[in-house]
Structure formats: structure tokens, C-alpha cells
N, C-alpha and C. Protein backbone atom coordinates (compact mmCIF):
# COMPACT_ATOMS: atom_id res chain seq x y z
N MET A 1 139.24 75.43 59.83
CA MET A 1 137.71 76.10 59.82
C MET A 1 137.89 76.81 61.20
N ASN A 2 136.98 78.50 61.50
CA ASN A 2 137.48 79.25 62.35
C ASN A 2 136.62 78.66 63.48
N PHE A 3 137.58 79.17 64.47
CA PHE A 3 137.29 79.18 66.11
C PHE A 3 136.07 79.48 66.42
N LEU A 4 135.38 80.38 65.75
CA LEU A 4 134.10 81.07 66.11
C LEU A 4 132.74 79.71 65.59
N THR A 5 133.09 79.24 64.70
CA THR A 5 131.94 78.42 63.99
C THR A 5 132.14 77.28 64.86
N LYS A 6 133.18 76.74 65.11
CA LYS A 6 133.46 75.41 66.15
C LYS A 6 133.12 75.60 66.98
N GLY A 7 133.27 76.34 67.57
CA GLY A 7 132.39 76.83 69.17
C GLY A 7 130.97 77.13 69.03
N LEU A 8 130.73 77.44 67.92
CA LEU A 8 128.90 77.51 67.77
C LEU A 8 128.29 76.11 67.63
N ALA A 9 128.77 75.51 66.88
CA ALA A 9 128.44 74.13 67.02
C ALA A 9 128.51 73.35 67.73
N ASN A 10 129.77 73.35 68.85
CA ASN A 10 129.59 72.49 69.65
C ASN A 10 128.66 72.85 70.75
N ILE A 11 128.61 73.99 71.22
CA ILE A 11 127.56 74.93 71.84
C ILE A 11 126.14 73.99 71.66
N ALA A 12 125.30 73.91 70.19
CA ALA A 12 124.84 73.78 69.61
C ALA A 12 124.30 72.19 69.86
N ARG A 13 125.12 71.27 69.48
CA ARG A 13 125.65 70.07 69.24
C ARG A 13 125.11 69.84 71.14
N SER A 14 125.87 70.22 72.13
CA SER A 14 125.81 69.85 73.67
C SER A 14 124.15 70.34 73.79
N CYS A 15 123.45 71.74 73.86
CA CYS A 15 122.09 71.86 73.92
C CYS A 15 121.74 70.81 73.59
N LEU A 16 121.56 70.54 72.14
CA LEU A 16 120.69 69.61 71.72
C LEU A 16 120.68 68.44 72.01
N THR A 17 121.66 68.01 72.52
CA THR A 17 121.99 66.12 72.95
C THR A 17 121.49 66.46 74.71
N LYS A 18 121.36 67.48 74.98
CA LYS A 18 121.04 67.51 76.32
C LYS A 18 119.55 67.65 76.59
N SER A 19 118.72 68.12 75.31
CA SER A 19 117.52 68.55 75.42
C SER A 19 116.52 67.29 75.19
N ILE A 20 117.30 66.17 74.41
CA ILE A 20 116.31 65.06 74.09
C ILE A 20 117.52 64.03 73.95
N GLN A 21 116.97 63.20 75.46
CA GLN A 21 118.51 61.97 75.24
C GLN A 21 117.95 61.07 74.22
N GLY A 22 116.36 61.04 73.82
CA GLY A 22 115.94 59.87 73.03
C GLY A 22 116.82 59.67 71.96
N ASN A 23 116.78 61.35 70.80
CA ASN A 23 117.08 61.55 69.72
C ASN A 23 118.61 61.81 69.62
N SER A 24 119.27 61.40 70.47
CA SER A 24 120.77 62.28 70.52
C SER A 24 121.66 61.86 69.16
N SER A 25 121.33 60.43 68.78
CA SER A 25 122.48 60.13 67.83
C SER A 25 121.78 60.81 66.40
N GLN A 26 120.41 60.81 66.39
CA GLN A 26 120.24 61.74 65.06
C GLN A 26 120.28 63.25 65.14
N LEU A 27 120.55 63.62 66.22
CA LEU A 27 120.88 65.52 66.50
C LEU A 27 122.37 65.53 66.04
N THR A 28 123.04 64.56 66.87
CA THR A 28 124.71 64.78 66.76
C THR A 28 125.15 64.55 64.91
N ARG A 29 124.19 63.47 64.36
CA ARG A 29 124.12 63.24 62.82
C ARG A 29 123.96 64.86 62.37
N LEU A 30 122.98 65.41 62.57
CA LEU A 30 122.37 66.91 62.02
C LEU A 30 123.79 67.66 62.61
N CYS A 31 124.13 67.93 63.71
CA CYS A 31 125.24 68.87 63.79
C CYS A 31 126.62 68.32 63.70
N ALA A 32 126.64 67.59 63.01
CA ALA A 32 127.93 66.63 62.43
C ALA A 32 128.96 67.84 61.71
N HIS A 33 130.02 67.21 61.55
CA HIS A 33 131.09 68.33 61.00
C HIS A 33 131.02 68.45 59.44
N PRO A 34 130.61 69.15 58.79
CA PRO A 34 130.63 68.98 57.54
C PRO A 34 132.21 69.31 56.92
N THR A 35 132.16 68.88 55.61
CA THR A 35 133.68 69.52 55.12
C THR A 35 134.08 70.95 54.75
N PRO A 36 134.84 71.50 54.96
CA PRO A 36 134.69 73.11 54.68
C PRO A 36 134.44 73.22 53.47
N GLN A 37 133.49 74.01 52.79
CA GLN A 37 133.51 74.39 51.20
C GLN A 37 133.49 75.85 50.99
N GLY A 38 134.12 76.55 50.79
CA GLY A 38 134.18 77.86 50.31
C GLY A 38 134.66 78.78 51.49
N SER A 39 134.07 79.86 52.11
CA SER A 39 134.34 80.64 53.13
C SER A 39 134.02 80.55 54.26
N ILE A 40 134.35 81.26 55.47
CA ILE A 40 133.76 81.49 56.75
C ILE A 40 132.26 81.11 56.92
N VAL A 41 131.98 82.39 56.00
CA VAL A 41 130.63 82.46 56.09
C VAL A 41 129.78 81.61 55.32
N SER A 42 129.97 80.95 54.61
CA SER A 42 129.31 79.08 53.91
C SER A 42 129.21 78.07 55.09
N THR A 43 130.67 78.07 55.77
CA THR A 43 130.24 77.11 56.85
C THR A 43 129.85 77.52 57.98
N ALA A 44 129.54 78.98 58.46
CA ALA A 44 128.95 78.92 59.42
C ALA A 44 127.29 78.85 59.20
N ASN A 45 127.18 79.15 57.96
CA ASN A 45 125.56 79.27 57.20
C ASN A 45 125.08 77.67 57.37
N SER A 46 126.29 76.73 56.73
CA SER A 46 125.57 75.36 57.10
C SER A 46 125.28 75.10 58.38
N TYR A 47 126.12 75.11 59.01
CA TYR A 47 126.43 75.26 60.76
C TYR A 47 124.92 75.35 61.40
N ILE A 48 124.37 76.68 61.20
CA ILE A 48 123.25 77.18 61.56
C ILE A 48 122.18 76.74 60.88
N GLY A 49 122.20 76.46 59.53
CA GLY A 49 121.34 75.41 58.99
C GLY A 49 120.99 74.64 59.59
N ASN A 50 121.93 73.33 60.29
CA ASN A 50 122.03 72.36 60.72
C ASN A 50 121.14 72.21 62.02
N ILE A 51 121.53 73.24 62.68
CA ILE A 51 121.04 74.06 64.21
C ILE A 51 119.57 73.78 63.98
N ILE A 52 119.10 75.09 63.34
CA ILE A 52 117.49 75.24 63.02
C ILE A 52 116.66 73.78 62.78
N GLN A 53 117.48 72.72 61.65
CA GLN A 53 116.70 71.63 61.63
C GLN A 53 116.42 70.81 62.68
N GLY A 54 117.88 70.88 63.66
CA GLY A 54 117.53 70.35 65.10
C GLY A 54 116.83 70.52 66.01
N PHE A 55 116.46 72.04 65.64
CA PHE A 55 115.40 72.92 66.65
C PHE A 55 113.85 73.05 66.35
N ALA A 56 114.03 72.50 64.73
CA ALA A 56 112.65 72.03 64.18
C ALA A 56 112.30 70.36 64.40
N GLN A 57 113.11 69.79 64.85
CA GLN A 57 112.64 68.63 64.71
C GLN A 57 112.36 68.25 66.53
N ILE A 58 112.68 69.06 67.19
CA ILE A 58 112.06 68.61 68.75
C ILE A 58 111.28 69.18 68.65
N ARG A 59 110.31 70.71 68.70
CA ARG A 59 109.09 70.36 68.98
C ARG A 59 108.31 70.23 70.27
N LEU A 60 109.32 70.77 71.29
CA LEU A 60 108.95 70.79 72.65
C LEU A 60 107.79 71.72 73.17
N GLY A 61 107.71 72.64 72.32
CA GLY A 61 106.31 73.75 73.08
C GLY A 61 106.65 74.87 71.42
N SER A 62 106.38 75.96 71.90
CA SER A 62 106.26 76.76 70.96
C SER A 62 107.55 77.82 71.09
N THR A 63 108.31 78.03 69.62
CA THR A 63 109.35 78.76 69.57
C THR A 63 109.08 80.41 70.43
N LEU A 64 110.32 80.90 70.52
CA LEU A 64 110.32 82.65 70.93
C LEU A 64 109.50 83.42 69.98
N MET A 65 109.52 83.11 69.15
CA MET A 65 109.05 83.97 67.76
C MET A 65 107.42 83.38 67.74
N GLN A 66 106.72 82.19 68.11
CA GLN A 66 105.32 82.05 68.20
C GLN A 66 104.85 82.78 69.31
N ILE A 67 105.67 82.71 70.64
CA ILE A 67 105.14 83.05 71.62
C ILE A 67 105.25 85.04 71.68
N HIS A 68 106.16 85.19 70.67
CA HIS A 68 106.25 86.51 70.85
C HIS A 68 104.86 87.19 69.85
N LEU A 69 104.48 86.30 68.68
CA LEU A 69 103.57 86.60 68.02
C LEU A 69 102.14 86.49 68.69
N ARG A 70 102.04 85.37 69.63
CA ARG A 70 100.97 85.30 70.37
C ARG A 70 100.71 86.15 71.53
N ARG A 71 101.41 87.01 71.73
CA ARG A 71 101.24 87.57 72.92
C ARG A 71 99.65 88.09 73.51
N LYS A 72 99.40 88.42 74.43
CA LYS A 72 98.43 89.29 74.42
C LYS A 72 98.50 91.26 74.45
N ARG A 73 97.51 91.40 73.52
CA ARG A 73 97.74 92.77 72.93
C ARG A 73 96.66 93.56 73.40
N GLY A 74 96.69 94.51 73.49
CA GLY A 74 95.08 95.83 74.03
C GLY A 74 95.14 95.35 75.28
N ILE A 75 95.97 94.98 76.44
CA ILE A 75 95.47 95.03 77.95
C ILE A 75 95.48 95.93 78.36
N ILE A 76 93.94 96.37 78.80
CA ILE A 76 93.72 97.51 79.38
C ILE A 76 94.09 97.38 81.29
N PRO A 77 94.96 98.68 81.55
CA PRO A 77 95.40 98.64 82.82
C PRO A 77 94.12 98.78 83.69
N LYS A 78 93.91 98.27 84.74
CA LYS A 78 92.69 98.00 85.62
C LYS A 78 92.32 99.31 86.44
N LYS A 79 91.44 100.00 86.37
CA LYS A 79 91.61 100.91 87.09
C LYS A 79 91.57 101.28 88.20
N LYS A 80 91.72 102.41 88.79
CA LYS A 80 91.95 102.30 90.41
C LYS A 80 90.89 102.59 91.02
N LYS A 81 90.75 101.71 92.13
CA LYS A 81 89.38 102.84 93.04
C LYS A 81 89.91 103.65 93.98
N ARG A 82 89.69 104.52 93.26
CA ARG A 82 89.61 105.99 93.98
C ARG A 82 88.56 106.73 94.42
N PRO A 83 87.93 106.41 95.82
CA PRO A 83 86.60 106.80 96.13
C PRO A 83 86.80 108.41 96.11
N LEU A 84 87.52 109.26 95.88
CA LEU A 84 87.43 110.58 95.92
C LEU A 84 87.79 111.28 94.31
N ASP A 85 88.31 110.43 93.58
CA ASP A 85 88.43 110.87 92.22
C ASP A 85 89.81 111.38 92.11
N GLY A 86 90.66 111.06 93.35
CA GLY A 86 92.56 111.32 93.46
C GLY A 86 92.69 112.89 94.12
N ARG A 87 91.42 113.34 94.87
CA ARG A 87 91.47 114.33 95.41
C ARG A 87 91.74 114.08 97.02
N PRO A 88 92.35 114.75 97.50
CA PRO A 88 92.70 114.49 99.19
C PRO A 88 91.60 114.92 100.02
N PHE A 89 90.23 115.88 99.72
CA PHE A 89 89.28 116.13 100.68
C PHE A 89 88.11 115.96 99.56
N SER A 90 86.89 116.23 100.26
CA SER A 90 85.93 116.40 99.40
C SER A 90 84.86 116.15 100.34
N LYS A 91 83.81 117.60 100.21
CA LYS A 91 82.80 117.94 100.88
C LYS A 91 81.54 117.16 100.63
N GLY A 92 80.89 116.68 101.75
CA GLY A 92 79.64 115.76 101.79
C GLY A 92 78.66 116.30 102.52
N ILE A 93 77.60 115.97 102.15
CA ILE A 93 76.18 115.64 102.85
C ILE A 93 76.00 114.58 103.92
N VAL A 94 75.34 114.68 105.02
CA VAL A 94 75.19 113.33 105.37
C VAL A 94 73.86 112.75 105.22
N ILE A 95 73.73 111.81 104.86
CA ILE A 95 72.23 111.57 104.55
C ILE A 95 71.43 110.32 105.60
N LYS A 96 72.15 109.55 106.05
CA LYS A 96 71.85 108.74 106.98
C LYS A 96 73.22 108.46 108.21
N THR A 97 72.43 108.24 109.02
CA THR A 97 73.95 107.73 110.02
C THR A 97 73.57 105.75 110.41
N LEU A 98 74.81 105.55 110.32
CA LEU A 98 74.58 104.26 109.99
C LEU A 98 75.44 103.27 111.02
N ILE A 99 75.37 102.36 111.46
CA ILE A 99 76.53 101.31 112.15
C ILE A 99 76.57 100.26 111.82
N LYS A 100 77.85 99.91 111.64
CA LYS A 100 78.17 99.01 110.75
C LYS A 100 78.86 97.91 111.76
N LYS A 101 78.75 96.88 111.14
CA LYS A 101 79.82 95.73 111.91
C LYS A 101 80.76 95.54 111.41
N PRO A 102 82.02 94.99 111.64
CA PRO A 102 83.56 94.72 111.76
C PRO A 102 83.41 92.95 111.02
N LYS A 103 84.25 92.75 110.20
CA LYS A 103 84.42 91.54 109.70
C LYS A 103 85.70 90.61 111.05
N LYS A 104 84.83 89.28 110.94
CA LYS A 104 85.60 88.16 111.82
C LYS A 104 85.78 88.66 113.03
N PRO A 105 87.30 88.29 113.39
CA PRO A 105 87.70 88.71 114.56
C PRO A 105 87.64 89.77 115.42
N ASN A 106 86.80 90.97 114.93
CA ASN A 106 86.41 91.99 115.48
C ASN A 106 85.30 92.20 116.04
N SER A 107 84.40 92.48 116.77
CA SER A 107 83.24 92.87 117.30
C SER A 107 82.73 94.03 117.60
N ALA A 108 83.28 95.02 117.36
CA ALA A 108 82.84 96.72 118.21
C ALA A 108 81.58 97.11 116.87
N ASN A 109 81.05 98.08 117.21
CA ASN A 109 80.60 98.52 116.60
C ASN A 109 80.88 99.83 115.84
N ARG A 110 80.78 100.38 114.40
CA ARG A 110 81.50 101.29 113.62
C ARG A 110 80.80 102.27 113.64
N LYS A 111 80.63 103.53 113.76
CA LYS A 111 79.51 104.79 113.61
C LYS A 111 80.06 105.05 112.20
N CYS A 112 79.31 105.19 111.42
CA CYS A 112 79.42 105.31 110.23
C CYS A 112 78.31 106.32 109.43
N VAL A 113 78.25 107.04 108.37
CA VAL A 113 77.53 107.99 107.85
C VAL A 113 77.53 107.54 106.65
N LEU A 114 76.35 107.88 105.93
CA LEU A 114 75.78 107.72 104.49
C LEU A 114 76.36 109.00 103.97
N VAL A 115 77.34 109.60 103.17
CA VAL A 115 77.24 110.53 102.60
C VAL A 115 77.47 111.06 100.93
N ARG A 116 76.73 111.84 100.55
CA ARG A 116 76.47 112.42 99.45
C ARG A 116 77.64 113.49 99.18
N LEU A 117 78.82 112.74 98.37
CA LEU A 117 79.84 114.03 98.24
C LEU A 117 79.76 115.26 97.25
N SER A 118 80.33 115.96 96.91
CA SER A 118 80.01 117.23 96.33
C SER A 118 80.22 116.70 94.80
N SER A 119 80.64 115.62 94.61
CA SER A 119 81.01 114.83 92.89
C SER A 119 80.11 114.14 92.73
N GLY A 120 78.83 113.60 93.34
CA GLY A 120 77.21 113.59 93.45
C GLY A 120 77.50 111.88 94.04
N LYS A 121 78.96 111.53 94.27
CA LYS A 121 78.70 110.17 94.93
C LYS A 121 78.44 109.55 95.90
N GLU A 122 77.64 108.48 96.11
CA GLU A 122 77.07 108.25 97.82
C GLU A 122 78.15 107.12 98.04
N LEU A 123 78.84 107.71 99.48
CA LEU A 123 79.78 106.88 99.80
C LEU A 123 79.56 106.47 101.36
N VAL A 124 79.90 105.40 102.20
CA VAL A 124 79.95 104.90 103.39
C VAL A 124 81.42 105.69 104.21
N ALA A 125 81.17 106.76 104.83
CA ALA A 125 82.31 107.25 105.57
C ALA A 125 82.16 106.87 107.13
N TYR A 126 83.51 106.50 107.53
CA TYR A 126 83.60 106.23 109.16
C TYR A 126 84.08 107.74 109.89
N VAL A 127 82.79 107.72 111.12
CA VAL A 127 83.21 108.82 111.71
C VAL A 127 84.13 108.29 112.68
N PRO A 128 85.18 108.96 112.77
CA PRO A 128 86.67 108.67 113.99
C PRO A 128 86.38 109.29 115.09
N GLY A 129 86.57 108.36 116.21
CA GLY A 129 86.36 109.55 117.54
C GLY A 129 85.38 108.40 118.87
N ILE A 130 85.45 109.28 120.01
CA ILE A 130 84.27 108.82 120.36
C ILE A 130 82.98 109.54 120.42
N GLY A 131 81.83 109.17 120.04
CA GLY A 131 80.65 110.31 120.23
C GLY A 131 80.58 110.96 119.19
N HIS A 132 79.67 111.41 118.26
CA HIS A 132 79.31 112.22 117.31
C HIS A 132 77.56 113.00 117.44
N ASN A 133 77.59 113.92 116.84
CA ASN A 133 76.11 114.56 116.94
C ASN A 133 75.76 114.61 115.66
N LEU A 134 75.77 113.89 114.67
CA LEU A 134 75.77 114.19 113.12
C LEU A 134 74.43 113.62 113.23
N GLN A 135 73.61 114.46 112.32
CA GLN A 135 72.29 113.86 111.66
C GLN A 135 72.26 113.77 110.23
N GLU A 136 70.96 113.72 109.82
CA GLU A 136 70.68 114.35 107.99
C GLU A 136 71.11 115.88 107.93
N HIS A 137 71.17 115.95 107.00
CA HIS A 137 71.79 117.31 105.90
C HIS A 137 72.90 118.24 107.11
N ASN A 138 73.33 117.53 107.32
CA ASN A 138 75.03 117.81 107.94
C ASN A 138 76.01 117.74 106.86
N VAL A 139 76.80 118.78 107.26
CA VAL A 139 78.08 119.06 106.37
C VAL A 139 78.96 118.39 106.59
N VAL A 140 79.87 117.54 106.12
CA VAL A 140 81.11 117.07 106.63
C VAL A 140 81.94 116.95 105.80
N LEU A 141 83.54 117.32 105.88
CA LEU A 141 84.50 116.89 105.08
C LEU A 141 85.33 115.43 105.21
N CYS A 142 85.61 115.11 104.10
CA CYS A 142 85.48 113.52 104.01
C CYS A 142 87.13 113.51 103.48
N LYS A 143 87.93 112.47 104.01
CA LYS A 143 89.42 112.38 103.58
C LYS A 143 89.25 110.76 103.36
N VAL A 144 89.98 110.42 101.88
CA VAL A 144 90.44 109.29 101.73
C VAL A 144 91.05 108.29 103.57
N GLY A 145 90.46 107.04 103.56
CA GLY A 145 91.34 106.23 104.24
C GLY A 145 90.40 105.05 104.66
N ARG A 146 90.77 104.05 104.59
CA ARG A 146 89.58 102.90 104.40
C ARG A 146 89.95 102.23 105.52
N LEU A 147 88.85 101.66 106.39
CA LEU A 147 88.71 101.22 107.56
C LEU A 147 88.96 99.53 107.49
N LYS A 148 89.68 98.81 107.82
CA LYS A 148 90.49 97.77 107.18
C LYS A 148 89.26 96.47 107.49
N ASP A 149 88.69 96.71 108.74
CA ASP A 149 88.19 95.46 109.40
C ASP A 149 86.25 95.89 108.86
N THR A 150 85.98 96.54 108.15
CA THR A 150 84.64 97.30 107.89
C THR A 150 84.72 97.38 106.31
N PRO A 151 83.89 95.67 105.63
CA PRO A 151 83.67 96.08 104.51
C PRO A 151 82.99 97.14 103.76
N GLY A 152 83.54 97.80 102.83
CA GLY A 152 82.70 98.71 101.95
C GLY A 152 83.05 100.02 102.65
N VAL A 153 83.64 100.21 103.65
CA VAL A 153 84.20 101.97 104.16
C VAL A 153 85.32 102.16 103.75
N ARG A 154 85.31 103.12 102.86
CA ARG A 154 86.62 103.87 102.19
C ARG A 154 86.94 105.00 102.64
N ILE A 155 86.31 105.80 103.33
CA ILE A 155 86.46 107.17 103.43
C ILE A 155 86.44 107.41 105.14
N LYS A 156 86.92 108.81 105.50
CA LYS A 156 86.61 109.01 106.80
C LYS A 156 86.22 110.67 106.96
N CYS A 157 85.64 111.20 108.28
CA CYS A 157 85.23 111.93 108.24
C CYS A 157 86.26 112.72 109.08
N VAL A 158 86.25 114.22 108.61
CA VAL A 158 87.42 115.01 109.41
C VAL A 158 86.96 115.67 110.75
N ARG A 159 87.37 115.42 111.99
CA ARG A 159 86.49 115.99 112.91
C ARG A 159 87.49 117.65 112.98
N GLY A 160 86.16 118.25 113.29
CA GLY A 160 86.97 119.80 113.51
C GLY A 160 86.61 120.66 112.62
N LYS A 161 85.92 120.38 111.54
CA LYS A 161 85.62 121.06 110.39
C LYS A 161 84.10 120.71 109.75
N TYR A 162 83.50 121.87 109.57
CA TYR A 162 82.49 122.32 109.31
C TYR A 162 81.26 121.44 110.76
N ASP A 163 80.52 120.57 110.33
CA ASP A 163 79.29 120.24 111.55
C ASP A 163 79.67 119.36 112.49
N LEU A 164 80.78 118.87 112.35
CA LEU A 164 81.54 117.54 112.95
C LEU A 164 82.33 117.95 114.06
N PRO A 165 82.26 118.47 115.11
CA PRO A 165 83.06 118.95 116.47
C PRO A 165 84.35 117.95 116.37
N HIS A 166 85.36 118.36 117.04
CA HIS A 166 86.24 117.73 117.84
C HIS A 166 85.76 117.18 118.89
N VAL A 167 86.39 115.58 119.23
CA VAL A 167 86.29 114.85 120.23
C VAL A 167 86.30 115.56 121.63
N VAL A 168 84.96 115.84 122.56
CA VAL A 168 84.70 116.55 123.49
C VAL A 168 85.68 115.49 125.00
N LYS A 169 86.53 116.20 125.64
CA LYS A 169 87.16 115.58 126.70
C LYS A 169 86.32 115.67 127.40
N LYS A 170 86.50 114.03 128.28
CA LYS A 170 85.85 113.79 129.61
C LYS A 170 86.22 114.49 130.63
N THR A 171 85.83 115.49 131.54
CA THR A 171 86.30 116.28 132.95
C THR A 171 86.02 115.50 133.82
N ASN A 172 86.91 115.38 134.70
CA ASN A 172 86.11 114.45 136.24
C ASN A 172 85.67 115.67 137.01
């Protein structure tokens, strides 16, 4: 008998006996050495047939083929939440000024504005810095940058562009 077929049979027998302790006698009987009849190919085929029968009797769960056939098909990847549709900046018109309250451990009021972007979306944008003079119908430039502690605020206004001036320095 060929060295390869003996090794294959020994590996299969050890795997089967380790996987099921209760049926070890039956499984070793299935993997017993038959008398070699014919060529090495027929001997290997008989060993492989015995191994397959042993695996068929195990029935611990799904076979690899069953898992492969039952895989989920047509999974559509989740759409990324891009507030500005992948653009770095977007021009918008202020609809209303808002004051938002942050989540639990933080307690400051955040100055925000409701902005209608050039794409037609209406989003809440954060106005960074101390103080602003934004009113209705002012034009602002918005960039992507969410405010972690304030829910629903995913964009920020850019200071120093259009109707939103830079922060004024305090003089003594």
C-alpha cells in the first residue's frame, strides 16, 4: 500500500475518533484497512469512500458545501452618511439660528444654524468660535465636521468666508 494512502487513512481515523467519542468503534471499523485490490488509485478511492461515509454519519452540523450554498447573496453595502455628498465644502443660506444642548456629561449651549445647502438639503451646522452675527438669509460656507457631543450636528460653518466674519479679538 502506498505511503500517501496510509497517511490519509490514519489522519481520517484520528479525526473521526476524536470528533465523536461515543461512536469510536463504529468509525474505526469504517476506516479499517481493506485488503488492497487493484492499483493505488482504487485503494485510495476505497479509503476516501470510507472517510465520506464516516463524515456522513457524524451530522454535527452543516457541511462546508451546505454553508457555501446557503450563503447570503445580494448583500447591498450600507450607504455612507455623507452630509455634503462627498464634497469638502458647500455654500448654504441660513434659515434659522438655533441653540442646541449637548449630550449628558457636557452642559454648554452650542450655537448652531439651520442651513439650506446649494444641493437642496437642510442641515444643522455648528458655528465655531465665540459669538456670531448670523441672521436669516445670510450666506455661509459649510464643511464636514461633526460635533460629537451634540446629536444631529454633522457640519460646521467656516469663519471668514461670505457673511460669517472671523472671531473678533478682545482688546484691553
